[in-house]
């Protein structure tokens, strides 16, 4: 598997289609980053797409090509914040209305809605690790790499997030 740096050099050398591999590598993380800001699944998809478009257009300006992941997540956060300002609904209760096989109309139950609302009220650093862990199914080590934090820090943030959610939702264990 080629490194990010090798893929970027290939893209900059004229093989534009190789950028799709970078998108595949980071699409879930970029989407989770946008979702953490916006709180809406579909709007986060728009922000993620826009972030990759901006990253592609500005790829020649990236100084440390090995830092692509962090760079594209920063772009995603900026795009999500831009969209949130435009729509003025960064913490909308229409959270993550992604349709799935069990729920084709995209509606979620009251308990799920309460949980998602509570997640979106977490401090930003806790919300990001919770979204990556449970919505994006990343393990703690992967989250640490994605967020540039230590495994211990991610573990502590998840633990604190669980405690905050327990208190907000009035439940014993999550």
C-alpha atoms as a PDB file:
ATOM      1  CA  UNK A   1       0.000   0.000   0.000  1.00  0.00           C
ATOM      2  CA  UNK A   2       1.346   3.414  -0.958  1.00  0.00           C
ATOM      3  CA  UNK A   3       1.783   6.115   1.665  1.00  0.00           C
ATOM      4  CA  UNK A   4      -0.222   9.332   1.526  1.00  0.00           C
ATOM      5  CA  UNK A   5       2.921  11.123   0.428  1.00  0.00           C
ATOM      6  CA  UNK A   6       3.456   8.710  -2.490  1.00  0.00           C
ATOM      7  CA  UNK A   7      -0.183   9.020  -3.558  1.00  0.00           C
ATOM      8  CA  UNK A   8      -0.014  12.815  -3.477  1.00  0.00           C
ATOM      9  CA  UNK A   9       3.167  12.862  -5.560  1.00  0.00           C
ATOM     10  CA  UNK A  10       1.430  10.608  -8.092  1.00  0.00           C
ATOM     11  CA  UNK A  11      -1.610  12.917  -8.216  1.00  0.00           C
ATOM     12  CA  UNK A  12       0.595  15.975  -8.621  1.00  0.00           C
ATOM     13  CA  UNK A  13       2.469  14.200 -11.418  1.00  0.00           C
ATOM     14  CA  UNK A  14      -0.763  14.100 -13.410  1.00  0.00           C
ATOM     15  CA  UNK A  15      -2.546  10.889 -12.398  1.00  0.00           C
ATOM     16  CA  UNK A  16      -5.588  12.636 -10.944  1.00  0.00           C
ATOM     17  CA  UNK A  17      -7.655   9.484 -10.498  1.00  0.00           C
ATOM     18  CA  UNK A  18      -5.257   8.350  -7.752  1.00  0.00           C
ATOM     19  CA  UNK A  19      -6.836  11.032  -5.525  1.00  0.00           C
ATOM     20  CA  UNK A  20      -9.791   8.648  -5.164  1.00  0.00           C
ATOM     21  CA  UNK A  21      -7.593   6.410  -2.984  1.00  0.00           C
ATOM     22  CA  UNK A  22      -6.962   9.303  -0.599  1.00  0.00           C
ATOM     23  CA  UNK A  23     -10.706   9.927  -0.490  1.00  0.00           C
ATOM     24  CA  UNK A  24     -11.338   6.246   0.328  1.00  0.00           C
ATOM     25  CA  UNK A  25      -8.763   6.364   3.126  1.00  0.00           C
ATOM     26  CA  UNK A  26     -10.180   9.418   4.817  1.00  0.00           C
ATOM     27  CA  UNK A  27     -13.862   9.617   3.841  1.00  0.00           C
ATOM     28  CA  UNK A  28     -15.239   8.141   7.082  1.00  0.00           C
ATOM     29  CA  UNK A  29     -13.002  10.299   9.249  1.00  0.00           C
ATOM     30  CA  UNK A  30     -13.715  13.452   7.266  1.00  0.00           C
ATOM     31  CA  UNK A  31     -17.443  12.722   7.426  1.00  0.00           C
ATOM     32  CA  UNK A  32     -17.274  12.143  11.193  1.00  0.00           C
ATOM     33  CA  UNK A  33     -15.362  15.401  11.627  1.00  0.00           C
ATOM     34  CA  UNK A  34     -18.023  17.315   9.685  1.00  0.00           C
ATOM     35  CA  UNK A  35     -20.817  15.495  11.528  1.00  0.00           C
ATOM     36  CA  UNK A  36     -19.304  16.446  14.874  1.00  0.00           C
ATOM     37  CA  UNK A  37     -19.686  20.104  13.925  1.00  0.00           C
ATOM     38  CA  UNK A  38     -22.985  19.964  12.037  1.00  0.00           C
ATOM     39  CA  UNK A  39     -24.956  17.247  13.791  1.00  0.00           C
ATOM     40  CA  UNK A  40     -26.743  16.235  10.620  1.00  0.00           C
ATOM     41  CA  UNK A  41     -25.752  13.208   8.555  1.00  0.00           C
ATOM     42  CA  UNK A  42     -26.720  14.556   5.136  1.00  0.00           C
ATOM     43  CA  UNK A  43     -25.289  18.022   5.642  1.00  0.00           C
ATOM     44  CA  UNK A  44     -22.064  16.421   6.897  1.00  0.00           C
ATOM     45  CA  UNK A  45     -21.877  14.456   3.626  1.00  0.00           C
ATOM     46  CA  UNK A  46     -22.056  17.748   1.721  1.00  0.00           C
ATOM     47  CA  UNK A  47     -19.331  19.254   3.898  1.00  0.00           C
ATOM     48  CA  UNK A  48     -17.119  16.184   3.422  1.00  0.00           C
ATOM     49  CA  UNK A  49     -17.499  16.328  -0.356  1.00  0.00           C
ATOM     50  CA  UNK A  50     -16.672  20.012  -0.342  1.00  0.00           C
ATOM     51  CA  UNK A  51     -13.641  19.372   1.882  1.00  0.00           C
ATOM     52  CA  UNK A  52     -12.249  16.820  -0.566  1.00  0.00           C
ATOM     53  CA  UNK A  53     -12.857  19.188  -3.476  1.00  0.00           C
ATOM     54  CA  UNK A  54     -10.980  21.971  -1.679  1.00  0.00           C
ATOM     55  CA  UNK A  55      -8.192  19.540  -0.719  1.00  0.00           C
ATOM     56  CA  UNK A  56      -7.843  18.440  -4.335  1.00  0.00           C
ATOM     57  CA  UNK A  57      -7.718  22.011  -5.582  1.00  0.00           C
ATOM     58  CA  UNK A  58      -5.171  23.064  -2.952  1.00  0.00           C
ATOM     59  CA  UNK A  59      -3.097  19.881  -3.027  1.00  0.00           C
ATOM     60  CA  UNK A  60      -0.113  21.618  -4.657  1.00  0.00           C
ATOM     61  CA  UNK A  61       0.067  23.986  -1.667  1.00  0.00           C
ATOM     62  CA  UNK A  62       0.350  21.205   0.943  1.00  0.00           C
ATOM     63  CA  UNK A  63       3.843  21.520   2.383  1.00  0.00           C
ATOM     64  CA  UNK A  64       4.088  18.284   4.373  1.00  0.00           C
ATOM     65  CA  UNK A  65       2.442  15.699   2.184  1.00  0.00           C
ATOM     66  CA  UNK A  66       2.676  13.121   4.964  1.00  0.00           C
ATOM     67  CA  UNK A  67       0.247  15.305   6.974  1.00  0.00           C
ATOM     68  CA  UNK A  68      -2.604  14.967   4.471  1.00  0.00           C
ATOM     69  CA  UNK A  69      -5.024  13.351   6.970  1.00  0.00           C
ATOM     70  CA  UNK A  70      -4.847  16.158   9.508  1.00  0.00           C
ATOM     71  CA  UNK A  71      -4.923  18.758   6.755  1.00  0.00           C
ATOM     72  CA  UNK A  72      -8.068  17.400   5.107  1.00  0.00           C
ATOM     73  CA  UNK A  73      -9.790  17.099   8.520  1.00  0.00           C
ATOM     74  CA  UNK A  74      -8.968  20.760   9.205  1.00  0.00           C
ATOM     75  CA  UNK A  75     -10.509  21.643   5.838  1.00  0.00           C
ATOM     76  CA  UNK A  76     -13.576  19.533   6.729  1.00  0.00           C
ATOM     77  CA  UNK A  77     -13.987  21.367  10.050  1.00  0.00           C
ATOM     78  CA  UNK A  78     -13.752  24.724   8.259  1.00  0.00           C
ATOM     79  CA  UNK A  79     -16.276  23.670   5.620  1.00  0.00           C
ATOM     80  CA  UNK A  80     -18.648  22.340   8.284  1.00  0.00           C
ATOM     81  CA  UNK A  81     -18.365  25.567  10.275  1.00  0.00           C
ATOM     82  CA  UNK A  82     -19.009  27.576   7.106  1.00  0.00           C
ATOM     83  CA  UNK A  83     -22.136  25.526   6.416  1.00  0.00           C
ATOM     84  CA  UNK A  84     -23.245  25.763  10.058  1.00  0.00           C
ATOM     85  CA  UNK A  85     -22.912  29.538   9.988  1.00  0.00           C
ATOM     86  CA  UNK A  86     -24.826  29.681   6.730  1.00  0.00           C
ATOM     87  CA  UNK A  87     -27.623  27.444   7.953  1.00  0.00           C
ATOM     88  CA  UNK A  88     -27.375  28.609  11.578  1.00  0.00           C
ATOM     89  CA  UNK A  89     -28.136  25.162  12.930  1.00  0.00           C
ATOM     90  CA  UNK A  90     -24.914  23.598  14.249  1.00  0.00           C
ATOM     91  CA  UNK A  91     -26.787  21.665  16.945  1.00  0.00           C
ATOM     92  CA  UNK A  92     -30.014  20.825  15.161  1.00  0.00           C
ATOM     93  CA  UNK A  93     -32.082  17.977  16.651  1.00  0.00           C
ATOM     94  CA  UNK A  94     -32.360  16.360  13.173  1.00  0.00           C
ATOM     95  CA  UNK A  95     -29.251  14.386  14.033  1.00  0.00           C
ATOM     96  CA  UNK A  96     -27.902  11.672  11.802  1.00  0.00           C
ATOM     97  CA  UNK A  97     -30.995  10.851   9.859  1.00  0.00           C
ATOM     98  CA  UNK A  98     -29.189   8.238   7.796  1.00  0.00           C
ATOM     99  CA  UNK A  99     -31.597   5.659   6.446  1.00  0.00           C
ATOM    100  CA  UNK A 100     -30.635   2.044   6.962  1.00  0.00           C
ATOM    101  CA  UNK A 101     -32.054  -1.364   6.132  1.00  0.00           C
ATOM    102  CA  UNK A 102     -34.062  -1.585   9.374  1.00  0.00           C
ATOM    103  CA  UNK A 103     -35.279   1.967   9.108  1.00  0.00           C
ATOM    104  CA  UNK A 104     -35.762   2.874   5.423  1.00  0.00           C
ATOM    105  CA  UNK A 105     -37.608   6.125   6.025  1.00  0.00           C
ATOM    106  CA  UNK A 106     -34.718   7.572   8.035  1.00  0.00           C
ATOM    107  CA  UNK A 107     -36.709   8.217  11.209  1.00  0.00           C
ATOM    108  CA  UNK A 108     -35.214   7.370  14.551  1.00  0.00           C
ATOM    109  CA  UNK A 109     -36.908   6.470  17.784  1.00  0.00           C
ATOM    110  CA  UNK A 110     -37.277   8.746  20.775  1.00  0.00           C
ATOM    111  CA  UNK A 111     -34.518   6.987  22.779  1.00  0.00           C
ATOM    112  CA  UNK A 112     -32.109   7.209  19.862  1.00  0.00           C
ATOM    113  CA  UNK A 113     -32.979  10.860  19.382  1.00  0.00           C
ATOM    114  CA  UNK A 114     -32.281  11.553  23.071  1.00  0.00           C
ATOM    115  CA  UNK A 115     -28.931   9.766  22.830  1.00  0.00           C
ATOM    116  CA  UNK A 116     -27.898  11.632  19.675  1.00  0.00           C
ATOM    117  CA  UNK A 117     -28.948  14.954  21.156  1.00  0.00           C
ATOM    118  CA  UNK A 118     -26.894  14.185  24.281  1.00  0.00           C
ATOM    119  CA  UNK A 119     -23.877  13.226  22.144  1.00  0.00           C
ATOM    120  CA  UNK A 120     -24.080  16.499  20.247  1.00  0.00           C
ATOM    121  CA  UNK A 121     -24.052  18.396  23.571  1.00  0.00           C
ATOM    122  CA  UNK A 122     -20.778  16.778  24.653  1.00  0.00           C
ATOM    123  CA  UNK A 123     -17.644  18.918  24.623  1.00  0.00           C
ATOM    124  CA  UNK A 124     -16.218  18.928  21.103  1.00  0.00           C
ATOM    125  CA  UNK A 125     -13.184  16.729  21.880  1.00  0.00           C
ATOM    126  CA  UNK A 126     -15.401  14.096  23.525  1.00  0.00           C
ATOM    127  CA  UNK A 127     -18.032  14.288  20.790  1.00  0.00           C
ATOM    128  CA  UNK A 128     -15.426  13.628  18.095  1.00  0.00           C
ATOM    129  CA  UNK A 129     -14.040  10.497  19.797  1.00  0.00           C
ATOM    130  CA  UNK A 130     -17.558   9.159  20.474  1.00  0.00           C
ATOM    131  CA  UNK A 131     -18.600   9.691  16.851  1.00  0.00           C
ATOM    132  CA  UNK A 132     -15.434   8.047  15.555  1.00  0.00           C
ATOM    133  CA  UNK A 133     -15.794   5.103  17.973  1.00  0.00           C
ATOM    134  CA  UNK A 134     -19.483   4.306  17.681  1.00  0.00           C
ATOM    135  CA  UNK A 135     -20.641   5.795  14.385  1.00  0.00           C
ATOM    136  CA  UNK A 136     -17.477   5.254  12.394  1.00  0.00           C
ATOM    137  CA  UNK A 137     -16.508   2.035  14.236  1.00  0.00           C
ATOM    138  CA  UNK A 138     -12.876   3.047  14.722  1.00  0.00           C
ATOM    139  CA  UNK A 139     -10.886   1.391  17.507  1.00  0.00           C
ATOM    140  CA  UNK A 140      -9.085   3.452  20.144  1.00  0.00           C
ATOM    141  CA  UNK A 141      -5.709   3.151  18.421  1.00  0.00           C
ATOM    142  CA  UNK A 142      -7.199   4.325  15.096  1.00  0.00           C
ATOM    143  CA  UNK A 143      -8.918   7.252  16.831  1.00  0.00           C
ATOM    144  CA  UNK A 144      -5.611   8.209  18.439  1.00  0.00           C
ATOM    145  CA  UNK A 145      -3.933   8.242  15.023  1.00  0.00           C
ATOM    146  CA  UNK A 146      -6.763  10.179  13.379  1.00  0.00           C
ATOM    147  CA  UNK A 147      -6.954  12.829  16.097  1.00  0.00           C
ATOM    148  CA  UNK A 148      -3.221  12.974  16.805  1.00  0.00           C
ATOM    149  CA  UNK A 149      -3.788  12.121  20.467  1.00  0.00           C
ATOM    150  CA  UNK A 150      -2.329   9.374  22.609  1.00  0.00           C
ATOM    151  CA  UNK A 151      -4.254   6.139  23.177  1.00  0.00           C
ATOM    152  CA  UNK A 152      -4.484   7.066  26.877  1.00  0.00           C
ATOM    153  CA  UNK A 153      -6.005  10.452  26.062  1.00  0.00           C
ATOM    154  CA  UNK A 154      -8.584   8.917  23.731  1.00  0.00           C
ATOM    155  CA  UNK A 155      -9.471   6.274  26.334  1.00  0.00           C
ATOM    156  CA  UNK A 156      -9.895   8.964  28.996  1.00  0.00           C
ATOM    157  CA  UNK A 157     -12.025  11.122  26.675  1.00  0.00           C
ATOM    158  CA  UNK A 158     -14.279   8.160  25.854  1.00  0.00           C
ATOM    159  CA  UNK A 159     -14.628   7.378  29.551  1.00  0.00           C
ATOM    160  CA  UNK A 160     -15.538  10.972  30.358  1.00  0.00           C
ATOM    161  CA  UNK A 161     -17.985  11.060  27.465  1.00  0.00           C
ATOM    162  CA  UNK A 162     -19.676   7.887  28.767  1.00  0.00           C
ATOM    163  CA  UNK A 163     -19.958   9.478  32.213  1.00  0.00           C
ATOM    164  CA  UNK A 164     -21.424  12.690  30.769  1.00  0.00           C
ATOM    165  CA  UNK A 165     -23.929  10.691  28.734  1.00  0.00           C
ATOM    166  CA  UNK A 166     -24.882   8.547  31.750  1.00  0.00           C
ATOM    167  CA  UNK A 167     -25.597  11.685  33.780  1.00  0.00           C
ATOM    168  CA  UNK A 168     -27.528  13.395  30.980  1.00  0.00           C
ATOM    169  CA  UNK A 169     -29.603  10.351  30.132  1.00  0.00           C
ATOM    170  CA  UNK A 170     -30.031   9.073  33.684  1.00  0.00           C
ATOM    171  CA  UNK A 171     -28.872   5.529  32.880  1.00  0.00           C
ATOM    172  CA  UNK A 172     -26.530   3.150  34.699  1.00  0.00           C
ATOM    173  CA  UNK A 173     -24.008   1.910  32.119  1.00  0.00           C
ATOM    174  CA  UNK A 174     -23.712   2.471  28.394  1.00  0.00           C
END
